[in-house]
């Protein structure tokens, strides 16, 4: 055992204790039953048509095109979460 090996034991023990104490404060389980789902905003057909036209007008390499694809995935996940 080297001279500094003992220095690592105490912080590791403190970390385990702190983790145990913090996890005891958790009020919700990890199951989906306690999940809080983001609301999915409903857009009327006119707004969806306008958004589609504006998105098609962008260049193919526009960053916003990829961001909107990510947004569509998040909306689908929120719908599944909400049931």
PDB file of N, CA and C in Angstrom:
ATOM      1  N   UNK A   1       0.851  -1.174   0.000  1.00  0.00           N
ATOM      2  CA  UNK A   1       0.000   0.000   0.000  1.00  0.00           C
ATOM      3  C   UNK A   1       0.894   1.234   0.000  1.00  0.00           C
ATOM      4  N   UNK A   2       0.569   2.158  -0.886  1.00  0.00           N
ATOM      5  CA  UNK A   2       1.375   3.363  -0.952  1.00  0.00           C
ATOM      6  C   UNK A   2       0.918   4.363   0.103  1.00  0.00           C
ATOM      7  N   UNK A   3       1.682   5.385   0.278  1.00  0.00           N
ATOM      8  CA  UNK A   3       1.409   6.381   1.310  1.00  0.00           C
ATOM      9  C   UNK A   3       0.067   7.088   1.092  1.00  0.00           C
ATOM     10  N   UNK A   4      -0.317   7.373  -0.148  1.00  0.00           N
ATOM     11  CA  UNK A   4      -1.547   8.117  -0.396  1.00  0.00           C
ATOM     12  C   UNK A   4      -2.779   7.231  -0.562  1.00  0.00           C
ATOM     13  N   UNK A   5      -2.647   5.934  -0.431  1.00  0.00           N
ATOM     14  CA  UNK A   5      -3.792   5.038  -0.620  1.00  0.00           C
ATOM     15  C   UNK A   5      -4.869   5.273   0.435  1.00  0.00           C
ATOM     16  N   UNK A   6      -4.487   5.579   1.642  1.00  0.00           N
ATOM     17  CA  UNK A   6      -5.461   5.814   2.704  1.00  0.00           C
ATOM     18  C   UNK A   6      -6.251   7.099   2.461  1.00  0.00           C
ATOM     19  N   UNK A   7      -5.702   8.015   1.724  1.00  0.00           N
ATOM     20  CA  UNK A   7      -6.401   9.274   1.457  1.00  0.00           C
ATOM     21  C   UNK A   7      -7.654   9.069   0.618  1.00  0.00           C
ATOM     22  N   UNK A   8      -7.715   8.012  -0.144  1.00  0.00           N
ATOM     23  CA  UNK A   8      -8.858   7.785  -1.020  1.00  0.00           C
ATOM     24  C   UNK A   8     -10.005   7.087  -0.308  1.00  0.00           C
ATOM     25  N   UNK A   9      -9.746   6.428   0.803  1.00  0.00           N
ATOM     26  CA  UNK A   9     -10.803   5.691   1.493  1.00  0.00           C
ATOM     27  C   UNK A   9     -11.831   6.610   2.138  1.00  0.00           C
ATOM     28  N   UNK A  10     -11.403   7.636   2.784  1.00  0.00           N
ATOM     29  CA  UNK A  10     -12.317   8.504   3.500  1.00  0.00           C
ATOM     30  C   UNK A  10     -13.281   9.245   2.567  1.00  0.00           C
ATOM     31  N   UNK A  11     -12.821   9.881   1.492  1.00  0.00           N
ATOM     32  CA  UNK A  11     -13.776  10.540   0.594  1.00  0.00           C
ATOM     33  C   UNK A  11     -14.748   9.554  -0.050  1.00  0.00           C
ATOM     34  N   UNK A  12     -14.293   8.343  -0.360  1.00  0.00           N
ATOM     35  CA  UNK A  12     -15.190   7.357  -0.961  1.00  0.00           C
ATOM     36  C   UNK A  12     -16.284   6.973   0.030  1.00  0.00           C
ATOM     37  N   UNK A  13     -15.938   6.819   1.290  1.00  0.00           N
ATOM     38  CA  UNK A  13     -16.925   6.498   2.312  1.00  0.00           C
ATOM     39  C   UNK A  13     -17.905   7.649   2.475  1.00  0.00           C
ATOM     40  N   UNK A  14     -17.398   8.863   2.495  1.00  0.00           N
ATOM     41  CA  UNK A  14     -18.270  10.033   2.622  1.00  0.00           C
ATOM     42  C   UNK A  14     -19.208  10.140   1.425  1.00  0.00           C
ATOM     43  N   UNK A  15     -18.715   9.802   0.248  1.00  0.00           N
ATOM     44  CA  UNK A  15     -19.545   9.841  -0.958  1.00  0.00           C
ATOM     45  C   UNK A  15     -20.676   8.822  -0.875  1.00  0.00           C
ATOM     46  N   UNK A  16     -20.386   7.637  -0.384  1.00  0.00           N
ATOM     47  CA  UNK A  16     -21.415   6.596  -0.243  1.00  0.00           C
ATOM     48  C   UNK A  16     -22.473   7.041   0.763  1.00  0.00           C
ATOM     49  N   UNK A  17     -22.046   7.608   1.865  1.00  0.00           N
ATOM     50  CA  UNK A  17     -22.996   8.072   2.877  1.00  0.00           C
ATOM     51  C   UNK A  17     -23.861   9.205   2.321  1.00  0.00           C
ATOM     52  N   UNK A  18     -23.239  10.163   1.652  1.00  0.00           N
ATOM     53  CA  UNK A  18     -23.991  11.286   1.087  1.00  0.00           C
ATOM     54  C   UNK A  18     -24.993  10.805   0.047  1.00  0.00           C
ATOM     55  N   UNK A  19     -24.595   9.860  -0.780  1.00  0.00           N
ATOM     56  CA  UNK A  19     -25.500   9.318  -1.796  1.00  0.00           C
ATOM     57  C   UNK A  19     -26.678   8.616  -1.146  1.00  0.00           C
ATOM     58  N   UNK A  20     -26.422   7.864  -0.094  1.00  0.00           N
ATOM     59  CA  UNK A  20     -27.494   7.168   0.610  1.00  0.00           C
ATOM     60  C   UNK A  20     -28.471   8.146   1.232  1.00  0.00           C
ATOM     61  N   UNK A  21     -27.943   9.203   1.846  1.00  0.00           N
ATOM     62  CA  UNK A  21     -28.808  10.187   2.480  1.00  0.00           C
ATOM     63  C   UNK A  21     -29.640  10.934   1.443  1.00  0.00           C
ATOM     64  N   UNK A  22     -29.028  11.298   0.332  1.00  0.00           N
ATOM     65  CA  UNK A  22     -29.758  12.024  -0.700  1.00  0.00           C
ATOM     66  C   UNK A  22     -30.820  11.156  -1.369  1.00  0.00           C
ATOM     67  N   UNK A  23     -30.532   9.892  -1.562  1.00  0.00           N
ATOM     68  CA  UNK A  23     -31.526   9.025  -2.193  1.00  0.00           C
ATOM     69  C   UNK A  23     -32.700   8.765  -1.262  1.00  0.00           C
ATOM     70  N   UNK A  24     -32.491   8.883   0.036  1.00  0.00           N
ATOM     71  CA  UNK A  24     -33.591   8.713   0.980  1.00  0.00           C
ATOM     72  C   UNK A  24     -34.569   9.870   0.880  1.00  0.00           C
ATOM     73  N   UNK A  25     -34.139  11.004   0.346  1.00  0.00           N
ATOM     74  CA  UNK A  25     -35.007  12.173   0.204  1.00  0.00           C
ATOM     75  C   UNK A  25     -35.882  12.088  -1.034  1.00  0.00           C
ATOM     76  N   UNK A  26     -35.627  11.140  -1.896  1.00  0.00           N
ATOM     77  CA  UNK A  26     -36.414  11.027  -3.126  1.00  0.00           C
ATOM     78  C   UNK A  26     -37.856  10.714  -2.777  1.00  0.00           C
ATOM     79  N   UNK A  27     -38.779  11.436  -3.379  1.00  0.00           N
ATOM     80  CA  UNK A  27     -40.192  11.242  -3.073  1.00  0.00           C
ATOM     81  C   UNK A  27     -40.918  10.438  -4.131  1.00  0.00           C
ATOM     82  N   UNK A  28     -40.279  10.192  -5.242  1.00  0.00           N
ATOM     83  CA  UNK A  28     -40.933   9.515  -6.348  1.00  0.00           C
ATOM     84  C   UNK A  28     -40.100   8.327  -6.791  1.00  0.00           C
ATOM     85  N   UNK A  29     -40.754   7.282  -7.203  1.00  0.00           N
ATOM     86  CA  UNK A  29     -40.043   6.115  -7.694  1.00  0.00           C
ATOM     87  C   UNK A  29     -39.559   6.321  -9.108  1.00  0.00           C
ATOM     88  N   UNK A  30     -38.895   5.325  -9.637  1.00  0.00           N
ATOM     89  CA  UNK A  30     -38.382   5.433 -10.992  1.00  0.00           C
ATOM     90  C   UNK A  30     -39.363   4.884 -12.019  1.00  0.00           C
ATOM     91  N   UNK A  31     -40.517   4.407 -11.558  1.00  0.00           N
ATOM     92  CA  UNK A  31     -41.482   3.879 -12.517  1.00  0.00           C
ATOM     93  C   UNK A  31     -42.199   5.023 -13.231  1.00  0.00           C
ATOM     94  N   UNK A  32     -42.819   4.711 -14.357  1.00  0.00           N
ATOM     95  CA  UNK A  32     -43.475   5.730 -15.166  1.00  0.00           C
ATOM     96  C   UNK A  32     -44.754   6.237 -14.518  1.00  0.00           C
ATOM     97  N   UNK A  33     -45.278   5.525 -13.557  1.00  0.00           N
ATOM     98  CA  UNK A  33     -46.510   5.947 -12.904  1.00  0.00           C
ATOM     99  C   UNK A  33     -46.362   7.281 -12.201  1.00  0.00           C
ATOM    100  N   UNK A  34     -45.168   7.597 -11.736  1.00  0.00           N
ATOM    101  CA  UNK A  34     -44.944   8.857 -11.046  1.00  0.00           C
ATOM    102  C   UNK A  34     -44.355   9.927 -11.936  1.00  0.00           C
ATOM    103  N   UNK A  35     -44.239   9.642 -13.222  1.00  0.00           N
ATOM    104  CA  UNK A  35     -43.612  10.600 -14.137  1.00  0.00           C
ATOM    105  C   UNK A  35     -44.522  11.798 -14.366  1.00  0.00           C
ATOM    106  N   UNK A  36     -43.904  12.952 -14.482  1.00  0.00           N
ATOM    107  CA  UNK A  36     -44.640  14.158 -14.828  1.00  0.00           C
ATOM    108  C   UNK A  36     -44.411  14.405 -16.314  1.00  0.00           C
ATOM    109  N   UNK A  37     -45.469  14.365 -17.069  1.00  0.00           N
ATOM    110  CA  UNK A  37     -45.366  14.505 -18.517  1.00  0.00           C
ATOM    111  C   UNK A  37     -45.582  15.951 -18.931  1.00  0.00           C
ATOM    112  N   UNK A  38     -44.799  16.390 -19.882  1.00  0.00           N
ATOM    113  CA  UNK A  38     -44.972  17.732 -20.434  1.00  0.00           C
ATOM    114  C   UNK A  38     -46.265  17.788 -21.227  1.00  0.00           C
ATOM    115  N   UNK A  39     -46.983  18.900 -21.146  1.00  0.00           N
ATOM    116  CA  UNK A  39     -48.209  19.009 -21.937  1.00  0.00           C
ATOM    117  C   UNK A  39     -47.881  19.151 -23.422  1.00  0.00           C
ATOM    118  N   UNK A  40     -48.742  18.626 -24.251  1.00  0.00           N
ATOM    119  CA  UNK A  40     -48.581  18.748 -25.698  1.00  0.00           C
ATOM    120  C   UNK A  40     -49.547  19.833 -26.170  1.00  0.00           C
ATOM    121  N   UNK A  41     -49.002  20.923 -26.677  1.00  0.00           N
ATOM    122  CA  UNK A  41     -49.818  22.036 -27.145  1.00  0.00           C
ATOM    123  C   UNK A  41     -50.507  21.631 -28.447  1.00  0.00           C
ATOM    124  N   UNK A  42     -51.791  21.901 -28.526  1.00  0.00           N
ATOM    125  CA  UNK A  42     -52.549  21.594 -29.742  1.00  0.00           C
ATOM    126  C   UNK A  42     -52.515  22.804 -30.676  1.00  0.00           C
ATOM    127  N   UNK A  43     -52.177  22.572 -31.940  1.00  0.00           N
ATOM    128  CA  UNK A  43     -52.166  23.625 -32.957  1.00  0.00           C
ATOM    129  C   UNK A  43     -53.287  23.348 -33.935  1.00  0.00           C
ATOM    130  N   UNK A  44     -53.976  24.401 -34.374  1.00  0.00           N
ATOM    131  CA  UNK A  44     -55.038  24.193 -35.359  1.00  0.00           C
ATOM    132  C   UNK A  44     -54.412  23.917 -36.728  1.00  0.00           C
ATOM    133  N   UNK A  45     -55.239  23.482 -37.666  1.00  0.00           N
ATOM    134  CA  UNK A  45     -54.747  23.084 -38.988  1.00  0.00           C
ATOM    135  C   UNK A  45     -54.080  24.239 -39.721  1.00  0.00           C
ATOM    136  N   UNK A  46     -54.601  25.443 -39.576  1.00  0.00           N
ATOM    137  CA  UNK A  46     -54.015  26.602 -40.265  1.00  0.00           C
ATOM    138  C   UNK A  46     -52.591  26.862 -39.764  1.00  0.00           C
ATOM    139  N   UNK A  47     -52.376  26.748 -38.469  1.00  0.00           N
ATOM    140  CA  UNK A  47     -51.037  26.960 -37.911  1.00  0.00           C
ATOM    141  C   UNK A  47     -50.087  25.859 -38.370  1.00  0.00           C
ATOM    142  N   UNK A  48     -50.577  24.624 -38.415  1.00  0.00           N
ATOM    143  CA  UNK A  48     -49.724  23.509 -38.876  1.00  0.00           C
ATOM    144  C   UNK A  48     -49.364  23.673 -40.343  1.00  0.00           C
ATOM    145  N   UNK A  49     -50.323  24.098 -41.170  1.00  0.00           N
ATOM    146  CA  UNK A  49     -50.053  24.323 -42.598  1.00  0.00           C
ATOM    147  C   UNK A  49     -49.030  25.438 -42.801  1.00  0.00           C
ATOM    148  N   UNK A  50     -49.186  26.526 -42.051  1.00  0.00           N
ATOM    149  CA  UNK A  50     -48.246  27.645 -42.166  1.00  0.00           C
ATOM    150  C   UNK A  50     -46.845  27.221 -41.729  1.00  0.00           C
ATOM    151  N   UNK A  51     -46.764  26.475 -40.626  1.00  0.00           N
ATOM    152  CA  UNK A  51     -45.455  26.007 -40.142  1.00  0.00           C
ATOM    153  C   UNK A  51     -44.795  25.089 -41.167  1.00  0.00           C
ATOM    154  N   UNK A  52     -45.584  24.214 -41.787  1.00  0.00           N
ATOM    155  CA  UNK A  52     -45.036  23.306 -42.799  1.00  0.00           C
ATOM    156  C   UNK A  52     -44.514  24.090 -44.003  1.00  0.00           C
ATOM    157  N   UNK A  53     -45.250  25.106 -44.426  1.00  0.00           N
ATOM    158  CA  UNK A  53     -44.813  25.917 -45.569  1.00  0.00           C
ATOM    159  C   UNK A  53     -43.534  26.682 -45.238  1.00  0.00           C
ATOM    160  N   UNK A  54     -43.466  27.230 -44.029  1.00  0.00           N
ATOM    161  CA  UNK A  54     -42.269  27.965 -43.620  1.00  0.00           C
ATOM    162  C   UNK A  54     -41.062  27.035 -43.504  1.00  0.00           C
ATOM    163  N   UNK A  55     -41.293  25.824 -43.009  1.00  0.00           N
ATOM    164  CA  UNK A  55     -40.200  24.852 -42.875  1.00  0.00           C
ATOM    165  C   UNK A  55     -39.703  24.400 -44.245  1.00  0.00           C
ATOM    166  N   UNK A  56     -40.613  24.208 -45.193  1.00  0.00           N
ATOM    167  CA  UNK A  56     -40.214  23.806 -46.547  1.00  0.00           C
ATOM    168  C   UNK A  56     -39.446  24.909 -47.259  1.00  0.00           C
ATOM    169  N   UNK A  57     -39.688  26.163 -46.895  1.00  0.00           N
ATOM    170  CA  UNK A  57     -38.997  27.287 -47.533  1.00  0.00           C
ATOM    171  C   UNK A  57     -37.547  27.415 -47.074  1.00  0.00           C
ATOM    172  N   UNK A  58     -37.210  26.780 -45.974  1.00  0.00           N
ATOM    173  CA  UNK A  58     -35.837  26.846 -45.470  1.00  0.00           C
ATOM    174  C   UNK A  58     -34.912  26.001 -46.333  1.00  0.00           C
ATOM    175  N   UNK A  59     -33.634  26.351 -46.388  1.00  0.00           N
ATOM    176  CA  UNK A  59     -32.684  25.495 -47.103  1.00  0.00           C
ATOM    177  C   UNK A  59     -32.543  24.149 -46.386  1.00  0.00           C
ATOM    178  N   UNK A  60     -32.203  23.129 -47.159  1.00  0.00           N
ATOM    179  CA  UNK A  60     -32.104  21.773 -46.589  1.00  0.00           C
ATOM    180  C   UNK A  60     -31.079  21.672 -45.464  1.00  0.00           C
ATOM    181  N   UNK A  61     -30.039  22.491 -45.531  1.00  0.00           N
ATOM    182  CA  UNK A  61     -28.996  22.397 -44.511  1.00  0.00           C
ATOM    183  C   UNK A  61     -29.230  23.356 -43.336  1.00  0.00           C
ATOM    184  N   UNK A  62     -30.441  23.924 -43.235  1.00  0.00           N
ATOM    185  CA  UNK A  62     -30.755  24.832 -42.133  1.00  0.00           C
ATOM    186  C   UNK A  62     -30.805  24.060 -40.816  1.00  0.00           C
ATOM    187  N   UNK A  63     -30.243  24.632 -39.800  1.00  0.00           N
ATOM    188  CA  UNK A  63     -30.216  23.997 -38.481  1.00  0.00           C
ATOM    189  C   UNK A  63     -31.643  23.813 -37.955  1.00  0.00           C
ATOM    190  N   UNK A  64     -32.504  24.744 -38.265  1.00  0.00           N
ATOM    191  CA  UNK A  64     -33.881  24.691 -37.776  1.00  0.00           C
ATOM    192  C   UNK A  64     -34.614  23.442 -38.263  1.00  0.00           C
ATOM    193  N   UNK A  65     -34.269  22.932 -39.428  1.00  0.00           N
ATOM    194  CA  UNK A  65     -34.913  21.721 -39.945  1.00  0.00           C
ATOM    195  C   UNK A  65     -34.646  20.550 -38.994  1.00  0.00           C
ATOM    196  N   UNK A  66     -33.409  20.387 -38.576  1.00  0.00           N
ATOM    197  CA  UNK A  66     -33.064  19.317 -37.633  1.00  0.00           C
ATOM    198  C   UNK A  66     -33.686  19.537 -36.268  1.00  0.00           C
ATOM    199  N   UNK A  67     -33.739  20.793 -35.839  1.00  0.00           N
ATOM    200  CA  UNK A  67     -34.332  21.094 -34.536  1.00  0.00           C
ATOM    201  C   UNK A  67     -35.828  20.774 -34.525  1.00  0.00           C
ATOM    202  N   UNK A  68     -36.498  21.054 -35.612  1.00  0.00           N
ATOM    203  CA  UNK A  68     -37.923  20.754 -35.694  1.00  0.00           C
ATOM    204  C   UNK A  68     -38.172  19.243 -35.716  1.00  0.00           C
ATOM    205  N   UNK A  69     -37.264  18.490 -36.313  1.00  0.00           N
ATOM    206  CA  UNK A  69     -37.379  17.031 -36.281  1.00  0.00           C
ATOM    207  C   UNK A  69     -37.245  16.528 -34.847  1.00  0.00           C
ATOM    208  N   UNK A  70     -36.307  17.111 -34.095  1.00  0.00           N
ATOM    209  CA  UNK A  70     -36.155  16.743 -32.682  1.00  0.00           C
ATOM    210  C   UNK A  70     -37.420  17.103 -31.903  1.00  0.00           C
ATOM    211  N   UNK A  71     -37.988  18.258 -32.190  1.00  0.00           N
ATOM    212  CA  UNK A  71     -39.202  18.709 -31.523  1.00  0.00           C
ATOM    213  C   UNK A  71     -40.354  17.742 -31.800  1.00  0.00           C
ATOM    214  N   UNK A  72     -40.441  17.249 -33.015  1.00  0.00           N
ATOM    215  CA  UNK A  72     -41.500  16.292 -33.355  1.00  0.00           C
ATOM    216  C   UNK A  72     -41.350  15.013 -32.533  1.00  0.00           C
ATOM    217  N   UNK A  73     -40.123  14.564 -32.343  1.00  0.00           N
ATOM    218  CA  UNK A  73     -39.883  13.366 -31.534  1.00  0.00           C
ATOM    219  C   UNK A  73     -40.281  13.624 -30.088  1.00  0.00           C
ATOM    220  N   UNK A  74     -39.915  14.798 -29.547  1.00  0.00           N
ATOM    221  CA  UNK A  74     -40.271  15.113 -28.157  1.00  0.00           C
ATOM    222  C   UNK A  74     -41.783  15.201 -27.990  1.00  0.00           C
ATOM    223  N   UNK A  75     -42.498  15.740 -28.963  1.00  0.00           N
ATOM    224  CA  UNK A  75     -43.963  15.791 -28.878  1.00  0.00           C
ATOM    225  C   UNK A  75     -44.551  14.381 -28.864  1.00  0.00           C
ATOM    226  N   UNK A  76     -44.001  13.501 -29.700  1.00  0.00           N
ATOM    227  CA  UNK A  76     -44.493  12.110 -29.724  1.00  0.00           C
ATOM    228  C   UNK A  76     -44.228  11.421 -28.382  1.00  0.00           C
ATOM    229  N   UNK A  77     -43.058  11.663 -27.801  1.00  0.00           N
ATOM    230  CA  UNK A  77     -42.741  11.075 -26.501  1.00  0.00           C
ATOM    231  C   UNK A  77     -43.656  11.627 -25.415  1.00  0.00           C
ATOM    232  N   UNK A  78     -43.966  12.915 -25.464  1.00  0.00           N
ATOM    233  CA  UNK A  78     -44.863  13.510 -24.471  1.00  0.00           C
ATOM    234  C   UNK A  78     -46.266  12.927 -24.586  1.00  0.00           C
ATOM    235  N   UNK A  79     -46.716  12.659 -25.829  1.00  0.00           N
ATOM    236  CA  UNK A  79     -48.034  12.041 -26.019  1.00  0.00           C
ATOM    237  C   UNK A  79     -48.070  10.649 -25.412  1.00  0.00           C
ATOM    238  N   UNK A  80     -46.993   9.876 -25.612  1.00  0.00           N
ATOM    239  CA  UNK A  80     -46.924   8.521 -25.054  1.00  0.00           C
ATOM    240  C   UNK A  80     -46.902   8.596 -23.531  1.00  0.00           C
ATOM    241  N   UNK A  81     -46.152   9.535 -22.989  1.00  0.00           N
ATOM    242  CA  UNK A  81     -46.042   9.689 -21.548  1.00  0.00           C
ATOM    243  C   UNK A  81     -47.399  10.016 -20.931  1.00  0.00           C
ATOM    244  N   UNK A  82     -48.137  10.899 -21.578  1.00  0.00           N
ATOM    245  CA  UNK A  82     -49.423  11.325 -21.051  1.00  0.00           C
ATOM    246  C   UNK A  82     -50.484  10.222 -21.167  1.00  0.00           C
ATOM    247  N   UNK A  83     -50.234   9.276 -22.047  1.00  0.00           N
ATOM    248  CA  UNK A  83     -51.154   8.160 -22.197  1.00  0.00           C
ATOM    249  C   UNK A  83     -52.164   8.424 -23.215  1.00  0.00           C
TER     250      UNK A  83
END
